[in-house]
C-alpha atoms as a PDB file:
ATOM      1  CA  UNK A   1       0.000   0.000   0.000  1.00  0.00           C
ATOM      2  CA  UNK A   2       1.365   3.405  -0.926  1.00  0.00           C
ATOM      3  CA  UNK A   3       2.248   5.701   1.966  1.00  0.00           C
ATOM      4  CA  UNK A   4       0.053   8.706   2.516  1.00  0.00           C
ATOM      5  CA  UNK A   5       1.591  11.985   1.366  1.00  0.00           C
ATOM      6  CA  UNK A   6       2.037  13.358   4.884  1.00  0.00           C
ATOM      7  CA  UNK A   7       3.720  10.313   6.390  1.00  0.00           C
ATOM      8  CA  UNK A   8       7.374  10.676   7.434  1.00  0.00           C
ATOM      9  CA  UNK A   9       7.104  14.471   7.314  1.00  0.00           C
ATOM     10  CA  UNK A  10       8.166  16.403  10.403  1.00  0.00           C
ATOM     11  CA  UNK A  11       7.207  20.023  11.063  1.00  0.00           C
ATOM     12  CA  UNK A  12       9.546  22.229  13.078  1.00  0.00           C
ATOM     13  CA  UNK A  13       9.717  25.878  14.094  1.00  0.00           C
ATOM     14  CA  UNK A  14      11.811  27.383  11.332  1.00  0.00           C
ATOM     15  CA  UNK A  15      13.479  28.665   9.365  1.00  0.00           C
ATOM     16  CA  UNK A  16      16.566  26.473   9.061  1.00  0.00           C
ATOM     17  CA  UNK A  17      19.039  27.081  11.858  1.00  0.00           C
ATOM     18  CA  UNK A  18      16.658  27.376  14.817  1.00  0.00           C
ATOM     19  CA  UNK A  19      17.266  25.479  18.040  1.00  0.00           C
ATOM     20  CA  UNK A  20      14.154  23.480  17.138  1.00  0.00           C
ATOM     21  CA  UNK A  21      15.822  22.553  13.854  1.00  0.00           C
ATOM     22  CA  UNK A  22      18.917  21.341  15.744  1.00  0.00           C
ATOM     23  CA  UNK A  23      16.767  19.275  18.107  1.00  0.00           C
ATOM     24  CA  UNK A  24      14.900  17.729  15.195  1.00  0.00           C
ATOM     25  CA  UNK A  25      18.153  16.748  13.500  1.00  0.00           C
ATOM     26  CA  UNK A  26      18.933  14.472  16.439  1.00  0.00           C
ATOM     27  CA  UNK A  27      16.087  12.129  15.491  1.00  0.00           C
ATOM     28  CA  UNK A  28      14.985  12.795  11.910  1.00  0.00           C
ATOM     29  CA  UNK A  29      16.465  12.869   8.441  1.00  0.00           C
ATOM     30  CA  UNK A  30      16.763  16.327   6.891  1.00  0.00           C
ATOM     31  CA  UNK A  31      14.631  15.433   3.874  1.00  0.00           C
ATOM     32  CA  UNK A  32      11.718  14.685   6.185  1.00  0.00           C
ATOM     33  CA  UNK A  33      11.732  18.057   7.936  1.00  0.00           C
ATOM     34  CA  UNK A  34       9.519  20.983   6.931  1.00  0.00           C
ATOM     35  CA  UNK A  35       9.927  24.441   8.535  1.00  0.00           C
ATOM     36  CA  UNK A  36       6.913  26.461   9.694  1.00  0.00           C
ATOM     37  CA  UNK A  37       6.937  30.086  10.822  1.00  0.00           C
ATOM     38  CA  UNK A  38       5.122  29.739  14.161  1.00  0.00           C
ATOM     39  CA  UNK A  39       4.433  27.184  16.900  1.00  0.00           C
ATOM     40  CA  UNK A  40       0.657  27.072  16.169  1.00  0.00           C
ATOM     41  CA  UNK A  41       1.378  26.404  12.485  1.00  0.00           C
ATOM     42  CA  UNK A  42       3.587  23.447  13.466  1.00  0.00           C
ATOM     43  CA  UNK A  43       0.914  22.042  15.764  1.00  0.00           C
ATOM     44  CA  UNK A  44      -1.895  22.563  13.251  1.00  0.00           C
ATOM     45  CA  UNK A  45       0.180  20.836  10.564  1.00  0.00           C
ATOM     46  CA  UNK A  46      -0.042  17.620  12.609  1.00  0.00           C
ATOM     47  CA  UNK A  47      -3.692  18.101  13.523  1.00  0.00           C
ATOM     48  CA  UNK A  48      -4.606  18.652   9.862  1.00  0.00           C
ATOM     49  CA  UNK A  49      -2.397  15.748   8.677  1.00  0.00           C
ATOM     50  CA  UNK A  50      -0.086  17.908   6.583  1.00  0.00           C
ATOM     51  CA  UNK A  51       2.753  16.146   8.441  1.00  0.00           C
ATOM     52  CA  UNK A  52       3.069  13.083  10.645  1.00  0.00           C
ATOM     53  CA  UNK A  53       4.986  14.711  13.503  1.00  0.00           C
ATOM     54  CA  UNK A  54       5.932  18.156  14.785  1.00  0.00           C
ATOM     55  CA  UNK A  55       8.667  19.251  17.142  1.00  0.00           C
ATOM     56  CA  UNK A  56       8.141  22.412  19.183  1.00  0.00           C
ATOM     57  CA  UNK A  57       9.669  24.004  22.316  1.00  0.00           C
ATOM     58  CA  UNK A  58       7.838  23.291  25.573  1.00  0.00           C
ATOM     59  CA  UNK A  59      10.017  24.586  28.398  1.00  0.00           C
ATOM     60  CA  UNK A  60      13.260  26.487  28.934  1.00  0.00           C
ATOM     61  CA  UNK A  61      15.414  26.111  32.047  1.00  0.00           C
ATOM     62  CA  UNK A  62      15.601  29.904  32.501  1.00  0.00           C
ATOM     63  CA  UNK A  63      12.356  31.248  31.050  1.00  0.00           C
ATOM     64  CA  UNK A  64      10.073  28.392  32.072  1.00  0.00           C
ATOM     65  CA  UNK A  65       7.173  26.950  30.097  1.00  0.00           C
ATOM     66  CA  UNK A  66       6.435  28.192  26.581  1.00  0.00           C
ATOM     67  CA  UNK A  67       2.820  29.325  27.186  1.00  0.00           C
ATOM     68  CA  UNK A  68       1.866  29.281  23.508  1.00  0.00           C
ATOM     69  CA  UNK A  69       2.707  25.570  23.209  1.00  0.00           C
ATOM     70  CA  UNK A  70       0.940  24.527  26.432  1.00  0.00           C
ATOM     71  CA  UNK A  71      -2.192  26.603  25.804  1.00  0.00           C
ATOM     72  CA  UNK A  72      -2.526  25.455  22.210  1.00  0.00           C
ATOM     73  CA  UNK A  73      -2.234  21.800  23.212  1.00  0.00           C
ATOM     74  CA  UNK A  74      -4.870  22.250  25.914  1.00  0.00           C
ATOM     75  CA  UNK A  75      -7.419  24.483  24.207  1.00  0.00           C
ATOM     76  CA  UNK A  76      -7.086  23.880  20.467  1.00  0.00           C
ATOM     77  CA  UNK A  77      -6.042  20.344  19.486  1.00  0.00           C
ATOM     78  CA  UNK A  78      -5.973  16.738  20.658  1.00  0.00           C
ATOM     79  CA  UNK A  79      -2.408  15.563  20.121  1.00  0.00           C
ATOM     80  CA  UNK A  80       0.068  13.408  22.028  1.00  0.00           C
ATOM     81  CA  UNK A  81       3.697  13.822  23.042  1.00  0.00           C
ATOM     82  CA  UNK A  82       5.625  10.852  21.641  1.00  0.00           C
ATOM     83  CA  UNK A  83       9.149  11.954  22.573  1.00  0.00           C
ATOM     84  CA  UNK A  84      11.175  14.715  24.159  1.00  0.00           C
ATOM     85  CA  UNK A  85      14.596  16.162  23.281  1.00  0.00           C
ATOM     86  CA  UNK A  86      16.738  18.137  25.753  1.00  0.00           C
ATOM     87  CA  UNK A  87      18.977  20.613  23.944  1.00  0.00           C
ATOM     88  CA  UNK A  88      21.697  22.892  25.394  1.00  0.00           C
ATOM     89  CA  UNK A  89      21.077  26.532  24.525  1.00  0.00           C
ATOM     90  CA  UNK A  90      23.997  28.813  23.662  1.00  0.00           C
ATOM     91  CA  UNK A  91      23.322  32.281  22.297  1.00  0.00           C
ATOM     92  CA  UNK A  92      25.721  34.347  20.182  1.00  0.00           C
ATOM     93  CA  UNK A  93      25.616  37.902  18.823  1.00  0.00           C
ATOM     94  CA  UNK A  94      26.047  37.961  15.041  1.00  0.00           C
ATOM     95  CA  UNK A  95      26.183  40.606  12.317  1.00  0.00           C
ATOM     96  CA  UNK A  96      26.490  40.719   8.539  1.00  0.00           C
ATOM     97  CA  UNK A  97      30.064  40.336   7.353  1.00  0.00           C
ATOM     98  CA  UNK A  98      29.919  43.823   5.803  1.00  0.00           C
ATOM     99  CA  UNK A  99      29.309  45.285   9.267  1.00  0.00           C
ATOM    100  CA  UNK A 100      32.029  43.466  11.219  1.00  0.00           C
ATOM    101  CA  UNK A 101      34.556  46.305  11.357  1.00  0.00           C
ATOM    102  CA  UNK A 102      32.416  48.982  12.997  1.00  0.00           C
ATOM    103  CA  UNK A 103      29.427  47.065  14.329  1.00  0.00           C
ATOM    104  CA  UNK A 104      29.903  47.929  18.003  1.00  0.00           C
ATOM    105  CA  UNK A 105      29.804  51.707  17.669  1.00  0.00           C
ATOM    106  CA  UNK A 106      27.206  51.799  14.863  1.00  0.00           C
ATOM    107  CA  UNK A 107      24.724  49.138  15.958  1.00  0.00           C
ATOM    108  CA  UNK A 108      21.138  50.279  15.394  1.00  0.00           C
ATOM    109  CA  UNK A 109      19.106  47.331  16.655  1.00  0.00           C
ATOM    110  CA  UNK A 110      19.250  43.741  17.906  1.00  0.00           C
ATOM    111  CA  UNK A 111      16.790  41.080  16.742  1.00  0.00           C
ATOM    112  CA  UNK A 112      15.818  37.704  18.172  1.00  0.00           C
ATOM    113  CA  UNK A 113      13.056  35.551  19.609  1.00  0.00           C
ATOM    114  CA  UNK A 114      11.572  36.960  22.872  1.00  0.00           C
ATOM    115  CA  UNK A 115      12.940  34.061  24.917  1.00  0.00           C
ATOM    116  CA  UNK A 116      16.438  34.538  23.503  1.00  0.00           C
ATOM    117  CA  UNK A 117      16.346  38.260  24.298  1.00  0.00           C
ATOM    118  CA  UNK A 118      15.241  37.407  27.846  1.00  0.00           C
ATOM    119  CA  UNK A 119      18.031  34.828  28.192  1.00  0.00           C
ATOM    120  CA  UNK A 120      20.543  37.582  27.339  1.00  0.00           C
ATOM    121  CA  UNK A 121      18.886  40.347  29.359  1.00  0.00           C
ATOM    122  CA  UNK A 122      21.822  41.308  31.579  1.00  0.00           C
ATOM    123  CA  UNK A 123      24.295  41.232  28.711  1.00  0.00           C
ATOM    124  CA  UNK A 124      22.070  43.440  26.552  1.00  0.00           C
ATOM    125  CA  UNK A 125      21.235  45.825  29.385  1.00  0.00           C
ATOM    126  CA  UNK A 126      24.799  46.538  30.439  1.00  0.00           C
ATOM    127  CA  UNK A 127      26.476  46.301  27.019  1.00  0.00           C
ATOM    128  CA  UNK A 128      23.831  47.827  24.733  1.00  0.00           C
ATOM    129  CA  UNK A 129      21.616  49.924  26.977  1.00  0.00           C
ATOM    130  CA  UNK A 130      19.407  52.114  24.780  1.00  0.00           C
ATOM    131  CA  UNK A 131      19.812  49.982  21.631  1.00  0.00           C
ATOM    132  CA  UNK A 132      16.357  48.942  20.361  1.00  0.00           C
ATOM    133  CA  UNK A 133      15.493  45.249  20.788  1.00  0.00           C
ATOM    134  CA  UNK A 134      13.177  43.686  18.204  1.00  0.00           C
ATOM    135  CA  UNK A 135      11.266  40.414  18.537  1.00  0.00           C
ATOM    136  CA  UNK A 136      11.131  37.810  15.770  1.00  0.00           C
ATOM    137  CA  UNK A 137       9.363  34.454  15.448  1.00  0.00           C
ATOM    138  CA  UNK A 138      12.617  32.552  16.001  1.00  0.00           C
ATOM    139  CA  UNK A 139      16.349  33.107  16.458  1.00  0.00           C
ATOM    140  CA  UNK A 140      16.972  31.853  12.921  1.00  0.00           C
ATOM    141  CA  UNK A 141      14.380  34.277  11.548  1.00  0.00           C
ATOM    142  CA  UNK A 142      16.409  37.061  13.171  1.00  0.00           C
ATOM    143  CA  UNK A 143      19.609  35.784  11.555  1.00  0.00           C
ATOM    144  CA  UNK A 144      17.861  35.546   8.181  1.00  0.00           C
ATOM    145  CA  UNK A 145      16.603  39.123   8.530  1.00  0.00           C
ATOM    146  CA  UNK A 146      20.124  40.404   9.252  1.00  0.00           C
ATOM    147  CA  UNK A 147      21.487  38.501   6.248  1.00  0.00           C
ATOM    148  CA  UNK A 148      18.897  40.162   4.000  1.00  0.00           C
ATOM    149  CA  UNK A 149      19.881  43.702   5.119  1.00  0.00           C
ATOM    150  CA  UNK A 150      23.652  43.897   4.584  1.00  0.00           C
ATOM    151  CA  UNK A 151      23.718  47.709   4.561  1.00  0.00           C
ATOM    152  CA  UNK A 152      22.010  48.030   7.951  1.00  0.00           C
ATOM    153  CA  UNK A 153      24.144  47.802  11.077  1.00  0.00           C
ATOM    154  CA  UNK A 154      21.874  45.415  12.958  1.00  0.00           C
ATOM    155  CA  UNK A 155      22.582  42.238  14.900  1.00  0.00           C
ATOM    156  CA  UNK A 156      20.856  38.965  15.666  1.00  0.00           C
ATOM    157  CA  UNK A 157      21.075  36.667  18.662  1.00  0.00           C
ATOM    158  CA  UNK A 158      21.063  32.992  17.769  1.00  0.00           C
ATOM    159  CA  UNK A 159      23.072  29.796  17.587  1.00  0.00           C
ATOM    160  CA  UNK A 160      26.136  28.744  15.629  1.00  0.00           C
ATOM    161  CA  UNK A 161      24.040  26.908  13.049  1.00  0.00           C
ATOM    162  CA  UNK A 162      22.090  30.097  12.266  1.00  0.00           C
ATOM    163  CA  UNK A 163      25.310  32.049  11.775  1.00  0.00           C
ATOM    164  CA  UNK A 164      26.657  29.402   9.397  1.00  0.00           C
ATOM    165  CA  UNK A 165      23.358  28.995   7.544  1.00  0.00           C
ATOM    166  CA  UNK A 166      22.954  32.723   6.862  1.00  0.00           C
ATOM    167  CA  UNK A 167      26.677  33.514   6.466  1.00  0.00           C
ATOM    168  CA  UNK A 168      26.883  35.884   9.418  1.00  0.00           C
ATOM    169  CA  UNK A 169      29.861  36.699  11.612  1.00  0.00           C
ATOM    170  CA  UNK A 170      29.662  35.922  15.322  1.00  0.00           C
ATOM    171  CA  UNK A 171      31.201  38.957  16.964  1.00  0.00           C
ATOM    172  CA  UNK A 172      30.360  38.061  20.563  1.00  0.00           C
ATOM    173  CA  UNK A 173      30.023  34.359  21.486  1.00  0.00           C
ATOM    174  CA  UNK A 174      28.202  33.093  24.547  1.00  0.00           C
ATOM    175  CA  UNK A 175      26.111  36.173  25.343  1.00  0.00           C
ATOM    176  CA  UNK A 176      23.529  34.264  27.401  1.00  0.00           C
ATOM    177  CA  UNK A 177      23.407  35.273  31.068  1.00  0.00           C
ATOM    178  CA  UNK A 178      23.544  31.730  32.487  1.00  0.00           C
ATOM    179  CA  UNK A 179      25.528  28.819  31.102  1.00  0.00           C
ATOM    180  CA  UNK A 180      23.439  25.851  32.239  1.00  0.00           C
ATOM    181  CA  UNK A 181      20.525  26.637  29.955  1.00  0.00           C
ATOM    182  CA  UNK A 182      18.546  23.855  28.237  1.00  0.00           C
ATOM    183  CA  UNK A 183      15.247  23.683  26.391  1.00  0.00           C
ATOM    184  CA  UNK A 184      12.746  20.807  26.315  1.00  0.00           C
ATOM    185  CA  UNK A 185      11.416  20.144  22.833  1.00  0.00           C
ATOM    186  CA  UNK A 186       8.463  17.777  22.439  1.00  0.00           C
ATOM    187  CA  UNK A 187       7.535  15.648  19.435  1.00  0.00           C
ATOM    188  CA  UNK A 188       3.803  15.692  18.712  1.00  0.00           C
ATOM    189  CA  UNK A 189       1.615  13.140  16.937  1.00  0.00           C
ATOM    190  CA  UNK A 190      -2.069  12.390  16.389  1.00  0.00           C
ATOM    191  CA  UNK A 191      -1.398   8.823  17.582  1.00  0.00           C
ATOM    192  CA  UNK A 192      -0.769   7.934  21.215  1.00  0.00           C
ATOM    193  CA  UNK A 193       2.492   6.078  20.746  1.00  0.00           C
ATOM    194  CA  UNK A 194       6.125   6.655  21.665  1.00  0.00           C
ATOM    195  CA  UNK A 195       9.422   6.988  19.830  1.00  0.00           C
ATOM    196  CA  UNK A 196      11.839   4.357  21.093  1.00  0.00           C
ATOM    197  CA  UNK A 197      15.535   4.578  20.250  1.00  0.00           C
ATOM    198  CA  UNK A 198      18.588   3.129  21.975  1.00  0.00           C
ATOM    199  CA  UNK A 199      19.736   6.581  23.108  1.00  0.00           C
ATOM    200  CA  UNK A 200      16.658   7.274  25.203  1.00  0.00           C
ATOM    201  CA  UNK A 201      16.712   7.729  28.961  1.00  0.00           C
ATOM    202  CA  UNK A 202      15.312   4.795  30.922  1.00  0.00           C
ATOM    203  CA  UNK A 203      12.845   6.991  32.806  1.00  0.00           C
ATOM    204  CA  UNK A 204       9.479   7.362  31.093  1.00  0.00           C
ATOM    205  CA  UNK A 205       7.310  10.431  31.638  1.00  0.00           C
ATOM    206  CA  UNK A 206       3.580  11.133  31.314  1.00  0.00           C
ATOM    207  CA  UNK A 207       2.164  14.642  30.977  1.00  0.00           C
ATOM    208  CA  UNK A 208      -1.355  15.321  32.267  1.00  0.00           C
ATOM    209  CA  UNK A 209      -3.463  18.470  32.078  1.00  0.00           C
ATOM    210  CA  UNK A 210      -5.925  18.536  34.964  1.00  0.00           C
ATOM    211  CA  UNK A 211      -8.874  20.833  35.634  1.00  0.00           C
ATOM    212  CA  UNK A 212     -10.154  20.752  39.216  1.00  0.00           C
ATOM    213  CA  UNK A 213     -13.868  19.991  39.731  1.00  0.00           C
ATOM    214  CA  UNK A 214     -14.530  23.218  41.646  1.00  0.00           C
ATOM    215  CA  UNK A 215     -12.849  25.892  43.726  1.00  0.00           C
ATOM    216  CA  UNK A 216     -13.065  24.235  47.108  1.00  0.00           C
ATOM    217  CA  UNK A 217     -10.575  24.209  49.947  1.00  0.00           C
ATOM    218  CA  UNK A 218      -8.027  21.412  49.652  1.00  0.00           C
ATOM    219  CA  UNK A 219      -8.904  20.419  46.064  1.00  0.00           C
ATOM    220  CA  UNK A 220      -5.324  20.615  44.797  1.00  0.00           C
ATOM    221  CA  UNK A 221      -4.088  18.744  47.873  1.00  0.00           C
ATOM    222  CA  UNK A 222      -6.522  15.944  47.045  1.00  0.00           C
ATOM    223  CA  UNK A 223      -5.178  15.739  43.510  1.00  0.00           C
ATOM    224  CA  UNK A 224      -1.572  15.553  44.670  1.00  0.00           C
ATOM    225  CA  UNK A 225      -2.503  12.935  47.261  1.00  0.00           C
ATOM    226  CA  UNK A 226      -3.744  10.691  44.436  1.00  0.00           C
ATOM    227  CA  UNK A 227      -0.104  10.340  43.352  1.00  0.00           C
ATOM    228  CA  UNK A 228       1.582  10.696  46.746  1.00  0.00           C
ATOM    229  CA  UNK A 229       0.047   7.678  48.489  1.00  0.00           C
ATOM    230  CA  UNK A 230       0.792   5.542  45.422  1.00  0.00           C
ATOM    231  CA  UNK A 231       4.446   6.740  45.584  1.00  0.00           C
ATOM    232  CA  UNK A 232       4.245   8.077  42.020  1.00  0.00           C
ATOM    233  CA  UNK A 233       6.757  10.886  41.616  1.00  0.00           C
ATOM    234  CA  UNK A 234       5.939  14.208  39.940  1.00  0.00           C
ATOM    235  CA  UNK A 235       8.784  16.085  38.287  1.00  0.00           C
ATOM    236  CA  UNK A 236       6.728  19.216  37.646  1.00  0.00           C
ATOM    237  CA  UNK A 237       3.448  20.920  38.486  1.00  0.00           C
ATOM    238  CA  UNK A 238       2.392  24.247  37.002  1.00  0.00           C
ATOM    239  CA  UNK A 239      -0.830  26.203  36.578  1.00  0.00           C
ATOM    240  CA  UNK A 240      -2.104  27.985  33.469  1.00  0.00           C
ATOM    241  CA  UNK A 241      -5.206  30.185  33.051  1.00  0.00           C
ATOM    242  CA  UNK A 242      -8.333  28.453  31.765  1.00  0.00           C
ATOM    243  CA  UNK A 243      -9.220  31.662  29.883  1.00  0.00           C
ATOM    244  CA  UNK A 244     -12.676  31.632  31.480  1.00  0.00           C
ATOM    245  CA  UNK A 245     -12.044  34.323  34.094  1.00  0.00           C
ATOM    246  CA  UNK A 246      -9.542  35.465  36.706  1.00  0.00           C
ATOM    247  CA  UNK A 247      -8.653  32.764  39.209  1.00  0.00           C
ATOM    248  CA  UNK A 248      -9.612  29.855  36.940  1.00  0.00           C
ATOM    249  CA  UNK A 249      -6.727  27.505  36.161  1.00  0.00           C
ATOM    250  CA  UNK A 250      -5.780  24.097  34.878  1.00  0.00           C
ATOM    251  CA  UNK A 251      -2.671  22.259  36.066  1.00  0.00           C
ATOM    252  CA  UNK A 252       0.110  20.620  34.059  1.00  0.00           C
ATOM    253  CA  UNK A 253       1.618  17.567  35.767  1.00  0.00           C
ATOM    254  CA  UNK A 254       4.724  15.737  34.603  1.00  0.00           C
ATOM    255  CA  UNK A 255       4.449  12.274  36.140  1.00  0.00           C
ATOM    256  CA  UNK A 256       7.453   9.929  36.205  1.00  0.00           C
ATOM    257  CA  UNK A 257       5.461   6.807  35.376  1.00  0.00           C
ATOM    258  CA  UNK A 258       4.036   5.012  32.332  1.00  0.00           C
ATOM    259  CA  UNK A 259       0.351   5.798  31.816  1.00  0.00           C
ATOM    260  CA  UNK A 260      -0.262   2.051  31.365  1.00  0.00           C
ATOM    261  CA  UNK A 261       1.229   1.080  34.734  1.00  0.00           C
ATOM    262  CA  UNK A 262      -1.291  -0.408  37.206  1.00  0.00           C
ATOM    263  CA  UNK A 263      -0.743   2.381  39.748  1.00  0.00           C
ATOM    264  CA  UNK A 264      -1.331   5.009  37.056  1.00  0.00           C
ATOM    265  CA  UNK A 265      -4.551   3.320  36.007  1.00  0.00           C
ATOM    266  CA  UNK A 266      -5.701   3.545  39.613  1.00  0.00           C
ATOM    267  CA  UNK A 267      -4.642   7.193  39.823  1.00  0.00           C
ATOM    268  CA  UNK A 268      -6.620   8.090  36.700  1.00  0.00           C
ATOM    269  CA  UNK A 269      -9.705   6.326  38.086  1.00  0.00           C
ATOM    270  CA  UNK A 270      -9.422   8.234  41.357  1.00  0.00           C
ATOM    271  CA  UNK A 271      -9.029  11.569  39.540  1.00  0.00           C
ATOM    272  CA  UNK A 272     -12.204  10.800  37.628  1.00  0.00           C
ATOM    273  CA  UNK A 273     -13.977   9.876  40.877  1.00  0.00           C
ATOM    274  CA  UNK A 274     -12.963  13.249  42.323  1.00  0.00           C
ATOM    275  CA  UNK A 275     -14.658  14.950  39.382  1.00  0.00           C
ATOM    276  CA  UNK A 276     -11.478  16.149  37.661  1.00  0.00           C
ATOM    277  CA  UNK A 277     -11.276  16.727  33.920  1.00  0.00           C
ATOM    278  CA  UNK A 278      -8.037  15.133  32.709  1.00  0.00           C
ATOM    279  CA  UNK A 279      -6.402  15.484  29.314  1.00  0.00           C
ATOM    280  CA  UNK A 280      -3.407  13.211  28.814  1.00  0.00           C
ATOM    281  CA  UNK A 281      -0.578  13.993  26.398  1.00  0.00           C
ATOM    282  CA  UNK A 282       0.615  10.393  26.642  1.00  0.00           C
ATOM    283  CA  UNK A 283       3.797   8.724  27.879  1.00  0.00           C
ATOM    284  CA  UNK A 284       7.173   9.295  26.246  1.00  0.00           C
ATOM    285  CA  UNK A 285      10.936   8.956  26.586  1.00  0.00           C
ATOM    286  CA  UNK A 286      13.538  11.717  26.778  1.00  0.00           C
ATOM    287  CA  UNK A 287      16.521  12.054  24.442  1.00  0.00           C
ATOM    288  CA  UNK A 288      19.510  14.303  24.985  1.00  0.00           C
ATOM    289  CA  UNK A 289      20.932  16.421  22.188  1.00  0.00           C
ATOM    290  CA  UNK A 290      24.598  15.369  22.092  1.00  0.00           C
ATOM    291  CA  UNK A 291      26.054  17.676  19.436  1.00  0.00           C
ATOM    292  CA  UNK A 292      26.663  20.676  21.676  1.00  0.00           C
ATOM    293  CA  UNK A 293      27.766  23.792  19.810  1.00  0.00           C
ATOM    294  CA  UNK A 294      31.522  24.240  19.567  1.00  0.00           C
ATOM    295  CA  UNK A 295      32.391  27.709  20.849  1.00  0.00           C
ATOM    296  CA  UNK A 296      35.977  27.240  19.618  1.00  0.00           C
ATOM    297  CA  UNK A 297      34.692  27.534  16.065  1.00  0.00           C
ATOM    298  CA  UNK A 298      33.346  31.005  16.760  1.00  0.00           C
ATOM    299  CA  UNK A 299      35.418  33.857  15.399  1.00  0.00           C
ATOM    300  CA  UNK A 300      35.966  36.901  17.577  1.00  0.00           C
ATOM    301  CA  UNK A 301      36.438  40.468  16.453  1.00  0.00           C
END
């Protein structure tokens, strides 16, 4: 039987050279990958069967959860997480090669994704106070913009791959404020399955989105007790607005257990008995991005 047109296609937050692109390269062949401009476009591509999978950022070690990803998965689509990639994040300041000589005294603006600008806040504040900062849909989009305006003395913040892809010069490497930064990227699918490769971590994770039955005293404690007495460990709990009014929230739980385990089955039954609305994103393994950027390759002015 012939494969459907969308099978083996993987959407990622583009353009080429984004951190999402680097994370995707860990698991997928380049010819399978299709860039999209925004996170919702990536997610909708899976939901509408334009592609089989999508990889999008979910959480950064410094900036926390990516609200757009979480909210879209909760409110807009029914998809599953089938894998997770942890990628080290290193940000560099880059300019067009025509601007290398006098970039520091003539710089007119710095472009990047909002999270990247936030990750470099102290550097930008003390080094370029007063220089306009401009937000783009991705770090690679910022690099592409700089490459398309060679006569403008503007800079982008992004990774080494973006600099190489768009032929820019890295004039200041490692401009991020903290050097232990990582981002969680999740792989999304319409099917509740899991990607299994030899390089995966042994620990499996299940992500649940839980809405409490009502605003009564001790409701959240009851929910946490469902897992506590079963000795099921949670690696994360976070609230997000339900968008139905101030004070209304749902909770994201990362549970370190397989959703098919007997104790998890019991936990899900008890949550239902308590009147909770639960949306599961499925169980999945974590993969680490091994090809860390080589700062030694970066040229300095």
